[in-house]
C-alpha cells in the first residue's frame, strides 16, 4: 500500500505543486487524485470522504491518516523516510531549510495575491506595487543567505535539493511568469527551477489535463513561457510507432504523437498529451527518442 495525494488543478494550485514535489523529487511512490477547481462544489466538500481535510494538498498515509498542509506533509514524510534527504543532513543547512520553508508557508501574502500561479500563461507588462517589491526583496535576502552559508556546493538553496526548494518552486514560477524584477543570483535560481525535470513534468501535466480557469487570468499582456522551449510535437491518430510498448507503463500502445516525422506510442491519451506538452521533461521518453 502506498500514499495517496489529493491535489488541485496543476496549472493553478501552487500548494499542490509543493506537496507533489515532496514525493516526485525524493522518489517516494504516490497515487494522485485531482480535486478539480472548476467543480461547483467547494474543495472541502469534494474532500468530505477524507475528513477532516478541507484543502489541497492532502496526503493519505498507508494507514489511512489524512495529513493536510504542505509543511506537515514534508515533516511527516521526513520522519517516515529519513534516508531520502527531504531535509539536509548538515544541522546548520537543515535549520536554514526549515526556516525557509516555514517563512514561505506563512508569508509573502502580497506576492501571492497579486500574482496567482498560472502555468498556462506568462505576462509581459505586470508592474508590481511596493508591497510585492518588498516581498521580492525579502525573498532575495533569504535565498542569498541560504546559498552563501550552505555547507556543500550545488545549484539549490542548500546545495542539494531539499524540501525548501519544493516550497519555493511556485515562487520561482511567479517570478518567471510575471516577469518580476530580481537580481542575478535569484534569476539563476529561478532558471534552475524552470529547467528541473519534475517541475517541467508538473507543468506539462497541467497543460494536458484540467480546465482553463478564466478567474486566474490577468490582463498584463502575454509573452511566451520563459522556461525551456519544448520540442514541437503533434498528436496523430495512428501508428506504426517506433516503440511497441508505452515508455511509462510497459503496456501496448494505443495513442500516438509525432515529432519530426517520427511516431511514438503511449498506452492512453493522457500519457500521450503530457509528453506532447514537453517531450524532453520525461526521461523514460527521452530514452526512446534519443535511441
Protein backbone atom coordinates (compact mmCIF):
# COMPACT_ATOMS: atom_id res chain seq x y z
CA UNK A 1 0.00 0.00 0.00
CA UNK A 2 1.27 3.47 -0.85
CA UNK A 3 0.40 7.10 -0.26
CA UNK A 4 -2.44 8.99 -1.92
CA UNK A 5 -2.09 12.72 -2.57
CA UNK A 6 -5.13 14.87 -3.31
CA UNK A 7 -4.15 17.82 -5.48
CA UNK A 8 -5.85 20.75 -7.19
CA UNK A 9 -5.54 21.75 -10.84
CA UNK A 10 -1.85 21.56 -11.65
CA UNK A 11 -1.74 24.76 -13.67
CA UNK A 12 -3.01 26.84 -10.76
CA UNK A 13 -2.59 25.06 -7.41
CA UNK A 14 0.73 26.25 -6.04
CA UNK A 15 0.36 24.37 -2.76
CA UNK A 16 -0.40 21.16 -4.64
CA UNK A 17 2.82 21.63 -6.61
CA UNK A 18 4.74 21.87 -3.36
CA UNK A 19 3.14 18.72 -1.99
CA UNK A 20 3.70 16.73 -5.19
CA UNK A 21 7.36 17.73 -5.44
CA UNK A 22 7.94 16.30 -1.95
CA UNK A 23 7.16 12.90 -3.47
CA UNK A 24 8.49 13.31 -7.00
CA UNK A 25 11.88 14.78 -6.14
CA UNK A 26 12.63 12.22 -3.45
CA UNK A 27 11.41 9.05 -5.15
CA UNK A 28 8.52 8.33 -2.79
CA UNK A 29 5.73 6.41 -4.59
CA UNK A 30 2.35 8.14 -4.55
CA UNK A 31 -1.01 7.93 -6.25
CA UNK A 32 -2.55 11.31 -7.12
CA UNK A 33 -6.22 12.24 -7.13
CA UNK A 34 -7.20 15.58 -8.65
CA UNK A 35 -9.79 17.81 -6.99
CA UNK A 36 -10.94 19.99 -9.92
CA UNK A 37 -11.24 23.69 -9.23
CA UNK A 38 -14.00 24.10 -11.82
CA UNK A 39 -16.29 21.79 -9.85
CA UNK A 40 -19.15 23.87 -8.38
CA UNK A 41 -18.65 22.17 -5.03
CA UNK A 42 -16.05 23.69 -2.70
CA UNK A 43 -12.81 21.78 -2.23
CA UNK A 44 -13.74 20.94 1.36
CA UNK A 45 -16.93 19.25 0.15
CA UNK A 46 -15.06 17.30 -2.52
CA UNK A 47 -12.70 16.08 0.23
CA UNK A 48 -15.51 15.05 2.59
CA UNK A 49 -14.53 11.40 2.29
CA UNK A 50 -11.09 12.17 3.76
CA UNK A 51 -12.21 14.29 6.72
CA UNK A 52 -11.02 16.34 8.47
CA UNK A 53 -9.13 17.51 5.38
CA UNK A 54 -10.53 20.67 3.82
CA UNK A 55 -7.88 21.79 1.35
CA UNK A 56 -5.30 20.56 -1.14
CA UNK A 57 -2.80 19.10 -0.96
CA UNK A 58 -3.88 16.38 1.44
CA UNK A 59 -1.81 13.24 1.89
CA UNK A 60 -3.37 9.95 2.96
CA UNK A 61 -0.82 7.72 4.66
CA UNK A 62 -0.73 3.96 4.05
CA UNK A 63 -2.58 3.62 7.36
CA UNK A 64 -5.36 5.91 6.16
CA UNK A 65 -4.45 9.05 8.13
CA UNK A 66 -5.17 12.40 6.44
CA UNK A 67 -2.29 14.88 6.61
CA UNK A 68 -3.14 18.34 5.29
CA UNK A 69 -0.89 21.38 4.79
CA UNK A 70 2.34 21.11 2.82
CA UNK A 71 4.66 21.74 5.75
CA UNK A 72 3.01 18.95 7.76
CA UNK A 73 3.34 16.64 4.75
CA UNK A 74 7.04 17.49 4.47
CA UNK A 75 7.72 16.77 8.13
CA UNK A 76 5.71 13.54 8.14
CA UNK A 77 7.48 12.25 5.05
CA UNK A 78 10.86 13.20 6.50
CA UNK A 79 10.04 11.22 9.65
CA UNK A 80 8.90 8.18 7.68
CA UNK A 81 11.68 8.32 5.06
CA UNK A 82 14.75 9.72 6.86
CA UNK A 83 17.21 8.46 4.24
CA UNK A 84 15.81 10.24 1.17
CA UNK A 85 17.04 13.73 2.10
CA UNK A 86 13.94 15.89 2.36
CA UNK A 87 15.87 17.99 4.86
CA UNK A 88 19.67 18.42 4.62
CA UNK A 89 21.89 16.23 6.80
CA UNK A 90 24.08 19.11 7.96
CA UNK A 91 22.44 20.64 11.09
CA UNK A 92 23.01 24.26 10.00
CA UNK A 93 21.70 23.58 6.49
CA UNK A 94 18.72 21.72 7.94
CA UNK A 95 17.87 24.64 10.23
CA UNK A 96 18.11 27.07 7.31
CA UNK A 97 15.94 24.84 5.10
CA UNK A 98 13.24 24.56 7.76
CA UNK A 99 13.30 28.31 8.32
CA UNK A 100 12.92 28.96 4.60
CA UNK A 101 10.01 26.54 4.25
CA UNK A 102 8.22 27.92 7.32
CA UNK A 103 8.53 31.53 6.15
CA UNK A 104 7.20 30.53 2.74
CA UNK A 105 4.28 28.72 4.33
CA UNK A 106 3.22 31.74 6.35
CA UNK A 107 4.41 34.76 4.38
CA UNK A 108 4.53 36.68 1.11
CA UNK A 109 0.82 37.48 1.03
CA UNK A 110 1.10 40.46 -1.34
CA UNK A 111 3.03 38.42 -3.91
CA UNK A 112 0.53 35.57 -3.71
CA UNK A 113 -2.45 37.90 -4.05
CA UNK A 114 -1.10 39.97 -6.93
CA UNK A 115 0.46 37.08 -8.86
CA UNK A 116 -1.57 33.88 -8.61
CA UNK A 117 0.29 30.94 -10.11
CA UNK A 118 -0.80 30.25 -13.66
CA UNK A 119 1.40 27.82 -15.55
CA UNK A 120 -0.68 28.23 -18.71
CA UNK A 121 0.19 31.92 -19.18
CA UNK A 122 3.03 34.38 -18.68
CA UNK A 123 2.88 38.15 -18.74
CA UNK A 124 4.99 40.90 -20.25
CA UNK A 125 3.59 44.07 -18.67
CA UNK A 126 2.94 43.48 -14.98
CA UNK A 127 4.10 46.32 -12.72
CA UNK A 128 4.50 45.23 -9.09
CA UNK A 129 3.49 47.59 -6.32
CA UNK A 130 5.61 48.42 -3.27
CA UNK A 131 4.28 45.51 -1.24
CA UNK A 132 5.15 42.98 -3.94
CA UNK A 133 8.58 44.57 -4.36
CA UNK A 134 9.12 44.25 -0.61
CA UNK A 135 8.26 40.54 -0.82
CA UNK A 136 10.73 40.10 -3.67
CA UNK A 137 13.44 41.87 -1.70
CA UNK A 138 12.83 39.59 1.28
CA UNK A 139 12.91 36.51 -0.95
CA UNK A 140 16.25 37.55 -2.41
CA UNK A 141 17.61 38.20 1.08
CA UNK A 142 16.75 34.75 2.42
CA UNK A 143 17.80 32.96 -0.77
CA UNK A 144 21.18 34.73 -0.74
CA UNK A 145 21.62 33.96 2.96
CA UNK A 146 20.94 30.26 2.46
CA UNK A 147 23.14 29.93 -0.59
CA UNK A 148 26.05 31.83 0.98
CA UNK A 149 26.07 29.59 4.07
CA UNK A 150 25.34 26.15 2.65
CA UNK A 151 27.88 23.50 3.59
CA UNK A 152 28.01 21.73 0.23
CA UNK A 153 28.08 23.07 -3.34
CA UNK A 154 25.11 22.76 -5.63
CA UNK A 155 22.58 24.86 -7.52
CA UNK A 156 19.76 24.60 -4.98
CA UNK A 157 19.14 26.74 -1.92
CA UNK A 158 21.13 24.48 0.40
CA UNK A 159 23.29 22.81 -2.24
CA UNK A 160 21.37 19.58 -2.83
CA UNK A 161 17.63 19.73 -3.47
CA UNK A 162 15.61 19.86 -0.24
CA UNK A 163 12.03 20.46 0.84
CA UNK A 164 12.85 24.18 0.94
CA UNK A 165 13.23 24.11 -2.85
CA UNK A 166 9.84 22.40 -3.17
CA UNK A 167 8.30 25.23 -1.20
CA UNK A 168 9.84 27.95 -3.35
CA UNK A 169 9.16 26.32 -6.75
CA UNK A 170 5.83 28.17 -7.17
CA UNK A 171 7.55 31.42 -6.18
CA UNK A 172 10.07 30.88 -8.96
CA UNK A 173 7.16 30.21 -11.34
CA UNK A 174 5.57 33.51 -10.32
CA UNK A 175 8.81 35.45 -10.75
CA UNK A 176 9.23 33.98 -14.22
CA UNK A 177 5.58 34.08 -15.27
CA UNK A 178 5.02 37.70 -14.28
CA UNK A 179 8.47 38.94 -15.32
CA UNK A 180 9.22 40.16 -11.80
CA UNK A 181 12.44 42.12 -11.22
CA UNK A 182 15.10 40.17 -9.31
CA UNK A 183 18.87 40.22 -9.24
CA UNK A 184 21.34 37.92 -10.96
CA UNK A 185 21.51 35.28 -8.23
CA UNK A 186 17.74 34.99 -7.86
CA UNK A 187 17.28 34.89 -11.63
CA UNK A 188 19.75 31.99 -11.86
CA UNK A 189 17.83 30.09 -9.19
CA UNK A 190 14.53 30.71 -10.99
CA UNK A 191 16.05 29.33 -14.19
CA UNK A 192 17.22 26.27 -12.26
CA UNK A 193 13.64 25.63 -11.13
CA UNK A 194 12.16 26.12 -14.62
CA UNK A 195 14.64 23.64 -16.10
CA UNK A 196 14.06 21.00 -13.43
CA UNK A 197 12.62 17.78 -14.89
CA UNK A 198 9.97 17.31 -12.21
CA UNK A 199 8.80 20.91 -12.39
CA UNK A 200 8.53 20.60 -16.18
CA UNK A 201 6.57 17.38 -15.78
CA UNK A 202 4.09 19.03 -13.40
CA UNK A 203 3.57 21.90 -15.83
CA UNK A 204 3.16 19.50 -18.78
CA UNK A 205 0.52 17.54 -16.88
CA UNK A 206 -1.24 20.81 -16.04
CA UNK A 207 -1.34 21.77 -19.72
CA UNK A 208 -2.56 18.29 -20.70
CA UNK A 209 -5.36 17.93 -18.15
CA UNK A 210 -7.62 20.38 -16.38
CA UNK A 211 -9.95 23.20 -17.31
CA UNK A 212 -8.81 26.68 -18.34
CA UNK A 213 -9.95 28.78 -15.39
CA UNK A 214 -10.75 32.31 -16.50
CA UNK A 215 -10.58 33.78 -13.00
CA UNK A 216 -6.84 33.11 -12.86
CA UNK A 217 -6.15 35.19 -15.96
CA UNK A 218 -4.74 38.72 -15.72
CA UNK A 219 -4.71 41.42 -18.39
CA UNK A 220 -0.99 42.22 -18.36
CA UNK A 221 -0.03 41.35 -21.92
CA UNK A 222 1.03 37.85 -22.89
CA UNK A 223 4.51 36.52 -23.59
CA UNK A 224 5.98 33.11 -24.28
CA UNK A 225 6.62 30.87 -21.29
CA UNK A 226 10.17 31.73 -20.12
CA UNK A 227 11.21 28.14 -19.39
CA UNK A 228 12.87 25.70 -21.80
CA UNK A 229 11.20 25.61 -25.21
CA UNK A 230 9.62 22.19 -25.75
CA UNK A 231 10.18 20.07 -28.80
CA UNK A 232 7.38 20.57 -31.31
CA UNK A 233 5.10 17.54 -31.18
CA UNK A 234 1.61 16.87 -32.54
CA UNK A 235 -0.94 14.18 -31.79
CA UNK A 236 -1.59 11.72 -34.58
CA UNK A 237 -4.32 9.15 -34.97
CA UNK A 238 -2.35 6.03 -35.82
CA UNK A 239 1.00 4.27 -35.96
CA UNK A 240 3.05 2.37 -36.59
CA UNK A 241 5.22 3.77 -33.82
CA UNK A 242 8.89 3.25 -33.15
CA UNK A 243 8.02 1.74 -29.76
CA UNK A 244 5.53 -1.07 -29.27
CA UNK A 245 5.05 -0.55 -25.52
CA UNK A 246 4.42 2.62 -23.54
CA UNK A 247 7.64 4.11 -22.10
CA UNK A 248 5.88 4.72 -18.78
CA UNK A 249 3.70 1.68 -18.15
CA UNK A 250 5.10 -1.01 -20.45
CA UNK A 251 1.58 -1.61 -21.80
CA UNK A 252 0.75 -1.88 -25.53
CA UNK A 253 0.47 1.47 -27.31
CA UNK A 254 -2.90 2.86 -28.39
CA UNK A 255 -2.30 6.62 -28.76
CA UNK A 256 0.35 8.38 -30.79
CA UNK A 257 2.32 11.59 -31.29
CA UNK A 258 4.71 12.71 -34.00
CA UNK A 259 7.98 14.64 -33.72
CA UNK A 260 9.88 15.50 -36.92
CA UNK A 261 8.24 12.67 -38.83
CA UNK A 262 8.89 10.09 -36.10
CA UNK A 263 5.88 8.46 -34.43
CA UNK A 264 5.83 7.32 -30.81
CA UNK A 265 3.12 5.43 -28.97
CA UNK A 266 1.58 5.55 -25.49
CA UNK A 267 -0.89 3.50 -23.50
CA UNK A 268 -3.57 6.20 -23.12
CA UNK A 269 -4.37 9.76 -24.28
CA UNK A 270 -3.14 11.43 -21.07
CA UNK A 271 0.28 9.80 -21.31
CA UNK A 272 0.49 10.98 -24.91
CA UNK A 273 -0.69 14.50 -24.11
CA UNK A 274 1.58 15.10 -21.11
CA UNK A 275 4.51 14.02 -23.27
CA UNK A 276 3.34 16.16 -26.18
CA UNK A 277 3.37 19.27 -23.97
CA UNK A 278 7.08 18.87 -23.10
CA UNK A 279 8.67 15.73 -24.56
CA UNK A 280 12.11 16.16 -23.01
CA UNK A 281 10.72 16.57 -19.50
CA UNK A 282 10.30 12.79 -19.31
CA UNK A 283 13.49 10.67 -19.03
CA UNK A 284 11.58 7.50 -19.93
CA UNK A 285 10.53 9.09 -23.23
CA UNK A 286 13.97 10.62 -23.79
CA UNK A 287 15.41 7.12 -23.69
CA UNK A 288 13.41 6.01 -26.74
CA UNK A 289 13.53 9.39 -28.52
CA UNK A 290 17.31 9.56 -28.38
CA UNK A 291 17.81 5.96 -29.49
